[in-house]
Amino acid sequence: LLGAEFLAITLVLVYVGAVMVLFLFVIMMLDINFDNLRKN
C-alpha cells in the first residue's frame, strides 16, 4: 500500500520462505513431546 513493492516481496520471499522454515526447524529440534501434539 505504501508503494514499496521490493520490500514487500522481499519480506514474503525471505522471511516467510526462509526464516519461517528455519523457525520451524528449530521448533522441531526442541525436545517437544509430539505424541501429545498429535493427539490433538
PDB file of all heavy atoms in Angstrom:
ATOM      1  N   LEU A   1       0.816  -1.212   0.000  1.00  0.00           N
ATOM      2  CA  LEU A   1       0.000   0.000   0.000  1.00  0.00           C
ATOM      3  C   LEU A   1       0.853   1.267   0.000  1.00  0.00           C
ATOM      4  O   LEU A   1       0.465   2.291  -0.555  1.00  0.00           O
ATOM      5  CB  LEU A   1      -0.929   0.016   1.222  1.00  0.00           C
ATOM      6  CG  LEU A   1      -2.083  -0.984   1.208  1.00  0.00           C
ATOM      7  CD1 LEU A   1      -2.818  -0.938   2.542  1.00  0.00           C
ATOM      8  CD2 LEU A   1      -3.034  -0.665   0.073  1.00  0.00           C
ATOM      9  N   LEU A   2       2.026   1.187   0.617  1.00  0.00           N
ATOM     10  CA  LEU A   2       2.915   2.347   0.668  1.00  0.00           C
ATOM     11  C   LEU A   2       3.752   2.498  -0.598  1.00  0.00           C
ATOM     12  O   LEU A   2       4.520   3.446  -0.716  1.00  0.00           O
ATOM     13  CB  LEU A   2       3.843   2.237   1.883  1.00  0.00           C
ATOM     14  CG  LEU A   2       3.157   2.311   3.242  1.00  0.00           C
ATOM     15  CD1 LEU A   2       4.152   2.046   4.359  1.00  0.00           C
ATOM     16  CD2 LEU A   2       2.508   3.672   3.422  1.00  0.00           C
ATOM     17  N   GLY A   3       3.634   1.566  -1.524  1.00  0.00           N
ATOM     18  CA  GLY A   3       4.383   1.650  -2.771  1.00  0.00           C
ATOM     19  C   GLY A   3       5.772   1.062  -2.706  1.00  0.00           C
ATOM     20  O   GLY A   3       6.581   1.283  -3.600  1.00  0.00           O
ATOM     21  N   ALA A   4       6.080   0.297  -1.665  1.00  0.00           N
ATOM     22  CA  ALA A   4       7.398  -0.339  -1.533  1.00  0.00           C
ATOM     23  C   ALA A   4       7.277  -1.799  -1.959  1.00  0.00           C
ATOM     24  O   ALA A   4       7.292  -2.709  -1.135  1.00  0.00           O
ATOM     25  CB  ALA A   4       7.905  -0.215  -0.107  1.00  0.00           C
ATOM     26  N   GLU A   5       7.160  -2.018  -3.274  1.00  0.00           N
ATOM     27  CA  GLU A   5       6.929  -3.371  -3.774  1.00  0.00           C
ATOM     28  C   GLU A   5       8.119  -4.277  -3.514  1.00  0.00           C
ATOM     29  O   GLU A   5       7.945  -5.464  -3.204  1.00  0.00           O
ATOM     30  CB  GLU A   5       6.630  -3.339  -5.275  1.00  0.00           C
ATOM     31  CG  GLU A   5       5.380  -2.596  -5.655  1.00  0.00           C
ATOM     32  CD  GLU A   5       5.627  -1.111  -5.876  1.00  0.00           C
ATOM     33  OE1 GLU A   5       6.808  -0.696  -5.867  1.00  0.00           O
ATOM     34  OE2 GLU A   5       4.647  -0.375  -6.039  1.00  0.00           O
ATOM     35  N   PHE A   6       9.318  -3.734  -3.664  1.00  0.00           N
ATOM     36  CA  PHE A   6      10.519  -4.558  -3.462  1.00  0.00           C
ATOM     37  C   PHE A   6      10.605  -5.065  -2.030  1.00  0.00           C
ATOM     38  O   PHE A   6      10.909  -6.232  -1.782  1.00  0.00           O
ATOM     39  CB  PHE A   6      11.774  -3.769  -3.828  1.00  0.00           C
ATOM     40  CG  PHE A   6      13.043  -4.533  -3.631  1.00  0.00           C
ATOM     41  CD1 PHE A   6      13.419  -5.516  -4.534  1.00  0.00           C
ATOM     42  CD2 PHE A   6      13.858  -4.288  -2.545  1.00  0.00           C
ATOM     43  CE1 PHE A   6      14.580  -6.234  -4.353  1.00  0.00           C
ATOM     44  CE2 PHE A   6      15.020  -4.996  -2.351  1.00  0.00           C
ATOM     45  CZ  PHE A   6      15.388  -5.973  -3.259  1.00  0.00           C
ATOM     46  N   LEU A   7      10.355  -4.180  -1.062  1.00  0.00           N
ATOM     47  CA  LEU A   7      10.393  -4.599   0.341  1.00  0.00           C
ATOM     48  C   LEU A   7       9.314  -5.625   0.637  1.00  0.00           C
ATOM     49  O   LEU A   7       9.531  -6.581   1.394  1.00  0.00           O
ATOM     50  CB  LEU A   7      10.232  -3.383   1.255  1.00  0.00           C
ATOM     51  CG  LEU A   7      11.414  -2.443   1.349  1.00  0.00           C
ATOM     52  CD1 LEU A   7      11.065  -1.254   2.219  1.00  0.00           C
ATOM     53  CD2 LEU A   7      12.620  -3.161   1.890  1.00  0.00           C
ATOM     54  N   ALA A   8       8.143  -5.456   0.050  1.00  0.00           N
ATOM     55  CA  ALA A   8       7.047  -6.386   0.303  1.00  0.00           C
ATOM     56  C   ALA A   8       7.385  -7.780  -0.218  1.00  0.00           C
ATOM     57  O   ALA A   8       7.213  -8.775   0.489  1.00  0.00           O
ATOM     58  CB  ALA A   8       5.765  -5.869  -0.342  1.00  0.00           C
ATOM     59  N   ILE A   9       7.876  -7.859  -1.443  1.00  0.00           N
ATOM     60  CA  ILE A   9       8.180  -9.176  -1.998  1.00  0.00           C
ATOM     61  C   ILE A   9       9.385  -9.797  -1.305  1.00  0.00           C
ATOM     62  O   ILE A   9       9.462 -11.013  -1.125  1.00  0.00           O
ATOM     63  CB  ILE A   9       8.374  -9.102  -3.534  1.00  0.00           C
ATOM     64  CG1 ILE A   9       8.211 -10.491  -4.158  1.00  0.00           C
ATOM     65  CG2 ILE A   9       9.697  -8.525  -3.903  1.00  0.00           C
ATOM     66  CD1 ILE A   9       6.838 -11.027  -4.094  1.00  0.00           C
ATOM     67  N   THR A  10      10.332  -8.949  -0.863  1.00  0.00           N
ATOM     68  CA  THR A  10      11.474  -9.469  -0.110  1.00  0.00           C
ATOM     69  C   THR A  10      11.025 -10.034   1.225  1.00  0.00           C
ATOM     70  O   THR A  10      11.511 -11.082   1.663  1.00  0.00           O
ATOM     71  CB  THR A  10      12.518  -8.360   0.111  1.00  0.00           C
ATOM     72  OG1 THR A  10      12.908  -7.851  -1.158  1.00  0.00           O
ATOM     73  CG2 THR A  10      13.728  -8.874   0.834  1.00  0.00           C
ATOM     74  N   LEU A  11      10.100  -9.347   1.878  1.00  0.00           N
ATOM     75  CA  LEU A  11       9.583  -9.847   3.155  1.00  0.00           C
ATOM     76  C   LEU A  11       8.926 -11.199   2.980  1.00  0.00           C
ATOM     77  O   LEU A  11       9.139 -12.121   3.774  1.00  0.00           O
ATOM     78  CB  LEU A  11       8.598  -8.839   3.752  1.00  0.00           C
ATOM     79  CG  LEU A  11       7.992  -9.211   5.099  1.00  0.00           C
ATOM     80  CD1 LEU A  11       9.047  -9.173   6.173  1.00  0.00           C
ATOM     81  CD2 LEU A  11       6.866  -8.290   5.447  1.00  0.00           C
ATOM     82  N   VAL A  12       8.129 -11.346   1.928  1.00  0.00           N
ATOM     83  CA  VAL A  12       7.443 -12.624   1.708  1.00  0.00           C
ATOM     84  C   VAL A  12       8.443 -13.713   1.351  1.00  0.00           C
ATOM     85  O   VAL A  12       8.407 -14.822   1.896  1.00  0.00           O
ATOM     86  CB  VAL A  12       6.360 -12.475   0.617  1.00  0.00           C
ATOM     87  CG1 VAL A  12       5.804 -13.827   0.227  1.00  0.00           C
ATOM     88  CG2 VAL A  12       5.248 -11.576   1.112  1.00  0.00           C
ATOM     89  N   LEU A  13       9.371 -13.413   0.438  1.00  0.00           N
ATOM     90  CA  LEU A  13      10.302 -14.448  -0.009  1.00  0.00           C
ATOM     91  C   LEU A  13      11.303 -14.839   1.067  1.00  0.00           C
ATOM     92  O   LEU A  13      11.541 -16.025   1.307  1.00  0.00           O
ATOM     93  CB  LEU A  13      11.050 -13.974  -1.262  1.00  0.00           C
ATOM     94  CG  LEU A  13      10.234 -13.866  -2.538  1.00  0.00           C
ATOM     95  CD1 LEU A  13      11.088 -13.341  -3.666  1.00  0.00           C
ATOM     96  CD2 LEU A  13       9.633 -15.204  -2.916  1.00  0.00           C
ATOM     97  N   VAL A  14      11.894 -13.830   1.723  1.00  0.00           N
ATOM     98  CA  VAL A  14      12.957 -14.131   2.675  1.00  0.00           C
ATOM     99  C   VAL A  14      12.390 -14.602   3.998  1.00  0.00           C
ATOM    100  O   VAL A  14      12.745 -15.674   4.500  1.00  0.00           O
ATOM    101  CB  VAL A  14      13.865 -12.898   2.878  1.00  0.00           C
ATOM    102  CG1 VAL A  14      14.868 -13.134   3.984  1.00  0.00           C
ATOM    103  CG2 VAL A  14      14.585 -12.565   1.589  1.00  0.00           C
ATOM    104  N   TYR A  15      11.475 -13.827   4.576  1.00  0.00           N
ATOM    105  CA  TYR A  15      11.013 -14.171   5.917  1.00  0.00           C
ATOM    106  C   TYR A  15      10.027 -15.331   5.911  1.00  0.00           C
ATOM    107  O   TYR A  15      10.167 -16.268   6.689  1.00  0.00           O
ATOM    108  CB  TYR A  15      10.410 -12.939   6.601  1.00  0.00           C
ATOM    109  CG  TYR A  15      11.463 -12.012   7.107  1.00  0.00           C
ATOM    110  CD1 TYR A  15      11.889 -10.940   6.348  1.00  0.00           C
ATOM    111  CD2 TYR A  15      12.055 -12.229   8.336  1.00  0.00           C
ATOM    112  CE1 TYR A  15      12.879 -10.100   6.801  1.00  0.00           C
ATOM    113  CE2 TYR A  15      13.047 -11.388   8.807  1.00  0.00           C
ATOM    114  CZ  TYR A  15      13.453 -10.333   8.036  1.00  0.00           C
ATOM    115  OH  TYR A  15      14.436  -9.511   8.492  1.00  0.00           O
ATOM    116  N   VAL A  16       9.034 -15.273   5.058  1.00  0.00           N
ATOM    117  CA  VAL A  16       8.062 -16.372   5.044  1.00  0.00           C
ATOM    118  C   VAL A  16       8.688 -17.615   4.435  1.00  0.00           C
ATOM    119  O   VAL A  16       8.501 -18.727   4.911  1.00  0.00           O
ATOM    120  CB  VAL A  16       6.784 -15.957   4.286  1.00  0.00           C
ATOM    121  CG1 VAL A  16       5.829 -17.119   4.172  1.00  0.00           C
ATOM    122  CG2 VAL A  16       6.119 -14.787   4.980  1.00  0.00           C
ATOM    123  N   GLY A  17       9.483 -17.429   3.373  1.00  0.00           N
ATOM    124  CA  GLY A  17      10.040 -18.588   2.689  1.00  0.00           C
ATOM    125  C   GLY A  17      11.225 -19.213   3.369  1.00  0.00           C
ATOM    126  O   GLY A  17      11.396 -20.425   3.336  1.00  0.00           O
ATOM    127  N   ALA A  18      12.081 -18.407   4.004  1.00  0.00           N
ATOM    128  CA  ALA A  18      13.310 -18.954   4.568  1.00  0.00           C
ATOM    129  C   ALA A  18      13.341 -18.912   6.087  1.00  0.00           C
ATOM    130  O   ALA A  18      13.606 -19.916   6.740  1.00  0.00           O
ATOM    131  CB  ALA A  18      14.512 -18.184   3.999  1.00  0.00           C
ATOM    132  N   VAL A  19      13.058 -17.757   6.655  1.00  0.00           N
ATOM    133  CA  VAL A  19      13.184 -17.622   8.106  1.00  0.00           C
ATOM    134  C   VAL A  19      12.149 -18.483   8.827  1.00  0.00           C
ATOM    135  O   VAL A  19      12.440 -19.104   9.845  1.00  0.00           O
ATOM    136  CB  VAL A  19      13.083 -16.132   8.510  1.00  0.00           C
ATOM    137  CG1 VAL A  19      13.047 -15.972  10.006  1.00  0.00           C
ATOM    138  CG2 VAL A  19      14.247 -15.365   7.927  1.00  0.00           C
ATOM    139  N   MET A  20      10.923 -18.542   8.300  1.00  0.00           N
ATOM    140  CA  MET A  20       9.915 -19.367   8.966  1.00  0.00           C
ATOM    141  C   MET A  20      10.258 -20.851   8.868  1.00  0.00           C
ATOM    142  O   MET A  20       9.979 -21.621   9.786  1.00  0.00           O
ATOM    143  CB  MET A  20       8.532 -19.108   8.374  1.00  0.00           C
ATOM    144  CG  MET A  20       7.939 -17.795   8.837  1.00  0.00           C
ATOM    145  SD  MET A  20       8.055 -17.532  10.610  1.00  0.00           S
ATOM    146  CE  MET A  20       7.217 -18.941  11.250  1.00  0.00           C
ATOM    147  N   VAL A  21      10.872 -21.258   7.764  1.00  0.00           N
ATOM    148  CA  VAL A  21      11.345 -22.644   7.668  1.00  0.00           C
ATOM    149  C   VAL A  21      12.406 -22.893   8.731  1.00  0.00           C
ATOM    150  O   VAL A  21      12.412 -23.948   9.387  1.00  0.00           O
ATOM    151  CB  VAL A  21      11.875 -22.938   6.250  1.00  0.00           C
ATOM    152  CG1 VAL A  21      12.559 -24.284   6.189  1.00  0.00           C
ATOM    153  CG2 VAL A  21      10.748 -22.870   5.237  1.00  0.00           C
ATOM    154  N   LEU A  22      13.291 -21.917   8.932  1.00  0.00           N
ATOM    155  CA  LEU A  22      14.306 -22.045   9.978  1.00  0.00           C
ATOM    156  C   LEU A  22      13.666 -22.097  11.359  1.00  0.00           C
ATOM    157  O   LEU A  22      14.055 -22.917  12.203  1.00  0.00           O
ATOM    158  CB  LEU A  22      15.290 -20.880   9.888  1.00  0.00           C
ATOM    159  CG  LEU A  22      16.404 -20.853  10.938  1.00  0.00           C
ATOM    160  CD1 LEU A  22      17.331 -22.038  10.749  1.00  0.00           C
ATOM    161  CD2 LEU A  22      17.171 -19.556  10.845  1.00  0.00           C
ATOM    162  N   PHE A  23      12.682 -21.237  11.615  1.00  0.00           N
ATOM    163  CA  PHE A  23      11.990 -21.262  12.905  1.00  0.00           C
ATOM    164  C   PHE A  23      11.342 -22.623  13.145  1.00  0.00           C
ATOM    165  O   PHE A  23      11.446 -23.196  14.225  1.00  0.00           O
ATOM    166  CB  PHE A  23      10.929 -20.169  12.974  1.00  0.00           C
ATOM    167  CG  PHE A  23      11.467 -18.803  13.246  1.00  0.00           C
ATOM    168  CD1 PHE A  23      10.623 -17.713  13.274  1.00  0.00           C
ATOM    169  CD2 PHE A  23      12.812 -18.585  13.475  1.00  0.00           C
ATOM    170  CE1 PHE A  23      11.108 -16.445  13.519  1.00  0.00           C
ATOM    171  CE2 PHE A  23      13.315 -17.329  13.719  1.00  0.00           C
ATOM    172  CZ  PHE A  23      12.461 -16.256  13.740  1.00  0.00           C
ATOM    173  N   LEU A  24      10.646 -23.129  12.132  1.00  0.00           N
ATOM    174  CA  LEU A  24      10.000 -24.429  12.298  1.00  0.00           C
ATOM    175  C   LEU A  24      11.026 -25.532  12.484  1.00  0.00           C
ATOM    176  O   LEU A  24      10.794 -26.487  13.225  1.00  0.00           O
ATOM    177  CB  LEU A  24       9.093 -24.719  11.105  1.00  0.00           C
ATOM    178  CG  LEU A  24       7.821 -23.873  11.060  1.00  0.00           C
ATOM    179  CD1 LEU A  24       7.064 -24.111   9.768  1.00  0.00           C
ATOM    180  CD2 LEU A  24       6.928 -24.179  12.249  1.00  0.00           C
ATOM    181  N   PHE A  25      12.186 -25.420  11.827  1.00  0.00           N
ATOM    182  CA  PHE A  25      13.251 -26.402  12.030  1.00  0.00           C
ATOM    183  C   PHE A  25      13.743 -26.365  13.467  1.00  0.00           C
ATOM    184  O   PHE A  25      13.962 -27.409  14.081  1.00  0.00           O
ATOM    185  CB  PHE A  25      14.395 -26.122  11.051  1.00  0.00           C
ATOM    186  CG  PHE A  25      15.555 -27.053  11.193  1.00  0.00           C
ATOM    187  CD1 PHE A  25      15.466 -28.360  10.752  1.00  0.00           C
ATOM    188  CD2 PHE A  25      16.734 -26.616  11.772  1.00  0.00           C
ATOM    189  CE1 PHE A  25      16.532 -29.217  10.893  1.00  0.00           C
ATOM    190  CE2 PHE A  25      17.811 -27.471  11.912  1.00  0.00           C
ATOM    191  CZ  PHE A  25      17.708 -28.780  11.465  1.00  0.00           C
ATOM    192  N   VAL A  26      13.918 -25.161  14.013  1.00  0.00           N
ATOM    193  CA  VAL A  26      14.359 -25.042  15.410  1.00  0.00           C
ATOM    194  C   VAL A  26      13.291 -25.589  16.351  1.00  0.00           C
ATOM    195  O   VAL A  26      13.601 -26.269  17.330  1.00  0.00           O
ATOM    196  CB  VAL A  26      14.693 -23.568  15.736  1.00  0.00           C
ATOM    197  CG1 VAL A  26      14.893 -23.366  17.226  1.00  0.00           C
ATOM    198  CG2 VAL A  26      15.921 -23.138  14.974  1.00  0.00           C
ATOM    199  N   ILE A  27      12.023 -25.332  16.036  1.00  0.00           N
ATOM    200  CA  ILE A  27      10.947 -25.862  16.866  1.00  0.00           C
ATOM    201  C   ILE A  27      10.979 -27.382  16.848  1.00  0.00           C
ATOM    202  O   ILE A  27      10.793 -28.043  17.868  1.00  0.00           O
ATOM    203  CB  ILE A  27       9.583 -25.327  16.383  1.00  0.00           C
ATOM    204  CG1 ILE A  27       9.447 -23.844  16.730  1.00  0.00           C
ATOM    205  CG2 ILE A  27       8.431 -26.106  17.009  1.00  0.00           C
ATOM    206  CD1 ILE A  27       8.245 -23.184  16.096  1.00  0.00           C
ATOM    207  N   MET A  28      11.248 -27.951  15.678  1.00  0.00           N
ATOM    208  CA  MET A  28      11.308 -29.409  15.588  1.00  0.00           C
ATOM    209  C   MET A  28      12.550 -29.969  16.284  1.00  0.00           C
ATOM    210  O   MET A  28      12.559 -31.125  16.692  1.00  0.00           O
ATOM    211  CB  MET A  28      11.320 -29.845  14.117  1.00  0.00           C
ATOM    212  CG  MET A  28      10.087 -29.453  13.365  1.00  0.00           C
ATOM    213  SD  MET A  28       8.599 -30.032  14.181  1.00  0.00           S
ATOM    214  CE  MET A  28       7.370 -29.105  13.335  1.00  0.00           C
ATOM    215  N   MET A  29      13.616 -29.153  16.406  1.00  0.00           N
ATOM    216  CA  MET A  29      14.825 -29.621  17.089  1.00  0.00           C
ATOM    217  C   MET A  29      14.643 -29.652  18.601  1.00  0.00           C
ATOM    218  O   MET A  29      15.379 -30.345  19.302  1.00  0.00           O
ATOM    219  CB  MET A  29      16.006 -28.701  16.754  1.00  0.00           C
ATOM    220  CG  MET A  29      16.513 -28.820  15.344  1.00  0.00           C
ATOM    221  SD  MET A  29      17.383 -30.342  15.059  1.00  0.00           S
ATOM    222  CE  MET A  29      18.833 -30.092  16.060  1.00  0.00           C
ATOM    223  N   LEU A  30      13.687 -28.880  19.112  1.00  0.00           N
ATOM    224  CA  LEU A  30      13.451 -28.876  20.549  1.00  0.00           C
ATOM    225  C   LEU A  30      12.850 -30.211  20.981  1.00  0.00           C
ATOM    226  O   LEU A  30      12.227 -30.917  20.201  1.00  0.00           O
ATOM    227  CB  LEU A  30      12.495 -27.736  20.923  1.00  0.00           C
ATOM    228  CG  LEU A  30      12.998 -26.323  20.632  1.00  0.00           C
ATOM    229  CD1 LEU A  30      11.900 -25.329  20.909  1.00  0.00           C
ATOM    230  CD2 LEU A  30      14.221 -26.006  21.459  1.00  0.00           C
ATOM    231  N   ASP A  31      13.058 -30.527  22.228  1.00  0.00           N
ATOM    232  CA  ASP A  31      12.520 -31.786  22.756  1.00  0.00           C
ATOM    233  C   ASP A  31      11.065 -31.582  23.162  1.00  0.00           C
ATOM    234  O   ASP A  31      10.745 -31.383  24.328  1.00  0.00           O
ATOM    235  CB  ASP A  31      13.351 -32.251  23.954  1.00  0.00           C
ATOM    236  CG  ASP A  31      14.745 -32.635  23.540  1.00  0.00           C
ATOM    237  OD1 ASP A  31      14.898 -33.088  22.387  1.00  0.00           O
ATOM    238  OD2 ASP A  31      15.669 -32.477  24.343  1.00  0.00           O
ATOM    239  N   ILE A  32      10.186 -31.631  22.180  1.00  0.00           N
ATOM    240  CA  ILE A  32       8.758 -31.468  22.435  1.00  0.00           C
ATOM    241  C   ILE A  32       8.110 -32.839  22.331  1.00  0.00           C
ATOM    242  O   ILE A  32       8.427 -33.622  21.437  1.00  0.00           O
ATOM    243  CB  ILE A  32       8.121 -30.498  21.417  1.00  0.00           C
ATOM    244  CG1 ILE A  32       8.770 -29.126  21.532  1.00  0.00           C
ATOM    245  CG2 ILE A  32       6.626 -30.394  21.623  1.00  0.00           C
ATOM    246  CD1 ILE A  32       8.322 -28.147  20.472  1.00  0.00           C
ATOM    247  N   ASN A  33       7.218 -33.136  23.226  1.00  0.00           N
ATOM    248  CA  ASN A  33       6.516 -34.409  23.187  1.00  0.00           C
ATOM    249  C   ASN A  33       5.447 -34.337  22.093  1.00  0.00           C
ATOM    250  O   ASN A  33       4.357 -33.815  22.299  1.00  0.00           O
ATOM    251  CB  ASN A  33       5.889 -34.705  24.556  1.00  0.00           C
ATOM    252  CG  ASN A  33       5.350 -36.109  24.621  1.00  0.00           C
ATOM    253  OD1 ASN A  33       5.410 -36.857  23.638  1.00  0.00           O
ATOM    254  ND2 ASN A  33       4.824 -36.477  25.772  1.00  0.00           N
ATOM    255  N   PHE A  34       5.779 -34.871  20.915  1.00  0.00           N
ATOM    256  CA  PHE A  34       4.877 -34.760  19.781  1.00  0.00           C
ATOM    257  C   PHE A  34       3.714 -35.741  19.859  1.00  0.00           C
ATOM    258  O   PHE A  34       2.757 -35.608  19.119  1.00  0.00           O
ATOM    259  CB  PHE A  34       5.639 -34.960  18.470  1.00  0.00           C
ATOM    260  CG  PHE A  34       6.469 -33.773  18.109  1.00  0.00           C
ATOM    261  CD1 PHE A  34       7.835 -33.780  18.322  1.00  0.00           C
ATOM    262  CD2 PHE A  34       5.892 -32.639  17.584  1.00  0.00           C
ATOM    263  CE1 PHE A  34       8.597 -32.685  18.010  1.00  0.00           C
ATOM    264  CE2 PHE A  34       6.646 -31.537  17.261  1.00  0.00           C
ATOM    265  CZ  PHE A  34       7.998 -31.562  17.477  1.00  0.00           C
ATOM    266  N   ASP A  35       3.796 -36.730  20.735  1.00  0.00           N
ATOM    267  CA  ASP A  35       2.660 -37.646  20.876  1.00  0.00           C
ATOM    268  C   ASP A  35       1.443 -36.897  21.407  1.00  0.00           C
ATOM    269  O   ASP A  35       0.320 -37.100  20.945  1.00  0.00           O
ATOM    270  CB  ASP A  35       3.015 -38.807  21.809  1.00  0.00           C
ATOM    271  CG  ASP A  35       4.066 -39.714  21.187  1.00  0.00           C
ATOM    272  OD1 ASP A  35       4.126 -39.765  19.936  1.00  0.00           O
ATOM    273  OD2 ASP A  35       4.817 -40.346  21.935  1.00  0.00           O
ATOM    274  N   ASN A  36       1.661 -36.012  22.377  1.00  0.00           N
ATOM    275  CA  ASN A  36       0.539 -35.214  22.893  1.00  0.00           C
ATOM    276  C   ASN A  36       0.027 -34.246  21.839  1.00  0.00           C
ATOM    277  O   ASN A  36      -1.175 -33.971  21.763  1.00  0.00           O
ATOM    278  CB  ASN A  36       0.976 -34.440  24.141  1.00  0.00           C
ATOM    279  CG  ASN A  36       1.238 -35.358  25.309  1.00  0.00           C
ATOM    280  OD1 ASN A  36       0.725 -36.471  25.349  1.00  0.00           O
ATOM    281  ND2 ASN A  36       2.063 -34.911  26.238  1.00  0.00           N
ATOM    282  N   LEU A  37       0.942 -33.696  21.029  1.00  0.00           N
ATOM    283  CA  LEU A  37       0.505 -32.770  19.981  1.00  0.00           C
ATOM    284  C   LEU A  37      -0.266 -33.498  18.890  1.00  0.00           C
ATOM    285  O   LEU A  37      -1.213 -32.959  18.320  1.00  0.00           O
ATOM    286  CB  LEU A  37       1.717 -32.053  19.383  1.00  0.00           C
ATOM    287  CG  LEU A  37       2.470 -31.113  20.324  1.00  0.00           C
ATOM    288  CD1 LEU A  37       3.673 -30.519  19.609  1.00  0.00           C
ATOM    289  CD2 LEU A  37       1.560 -30.014  20.802  1.00  0.00           C
ATOM    290  N   ARG A  38       0.147 -34.722  18.575  1.00  0.00           N
ATOM    291  CA  ARG A  38      -0.541 -35.468  17.514  1.00  0.00           C
ATOM    292  C   ARG A  38      -1.924 -35.924  17.953  1.00  0.00           C
ATOM    293  O   ARG A  38      -2.796 -36.145  17.128  1.00  0.00           O
ATOM    294  CB  ARG A  38       0.306 -36.668  17.109  1.00  0.00           C
ATOM    295  CG  ARG A  38       1.506 -36.284  16.289  1.00  0.00           C
ATOM    296  CD  ARG A  38       2.216 -37.488  15.724  1.00  0.00           C
ATOM    297  NE  ARG A  38       3.420 -37.076  15.051  1.00  0.00           N
ATOM    298  CZ  ARG A  38       4.636 -37.430  15.402  1.00  0.00           C
ATOM    299  NH1 ARG A  38       4.813 -38.203  16.443  1.00  0.00           N
ATOM    300  NH2 ARG A  38       5.682 -37.014  14.738  1.00  0.00           N
ATOM    301  N   LYS A  39      -2.105 -36.077  19.257  1.00  0.00           N
ATOM    302  CA  LYS A  39      -3.440 -36.459  19.728  1.00  0.00           C
ATOM    303  C   LYS A  39      -4.461 -35.393  19.379  1.00  0.00           C
ATOM    304  O   LYS A  39      -5.580 -35.682  19.025  1.00  0.00           O
ATOM    305  CB  LYS A  39      -3.412 -36.650  21.253  1.00  0.00           C
ATOM    306  CG  LYS A  39      -2.901 -37.971  21.712  1.00  0.00           C
ATOM    307  CD  LYS A  39      -3.158 -38.117  23.190  1.00  0.00           C
ATOM    308  CE  LYS A  39      -1.891 -38.561  23.866  1.00  0.00           C
ATOM    309  NZ  LYS A  39      -1.981 -38.593  25.294  1.00  0.00           N
ATOM    310  N   ASN A  40      -4.051 -34.150  19.491  1.00  0.00           N
ATOM    311  CA  ASN A  40      -4.949 -33.036  19.219  1.00  0.00           C
ATOM    312  C   ASN A  40      -4.653 -32.412  17.854  1.00  0.00           C
ATOM    313  O   ASN A  40      -4.674 -31.196  17.703  1.00  0.00           O
ATOM    314  CB  ASN A  40      -4.799 -31.973  20.314  1.00  0.00           C
ATOM    315  CG  ASN A  40      -5.115 -32.528  21.670  1.00  0.00           C
ATOM    316  OD1 ASN A  40      -5.984 -33.367  21.802  1.00  0.00           O
ATOM    317  ND2 ASN A  40      -4.398 -32.078  22.682  1.00  0.00           N
TER     318      ASN A  40
END
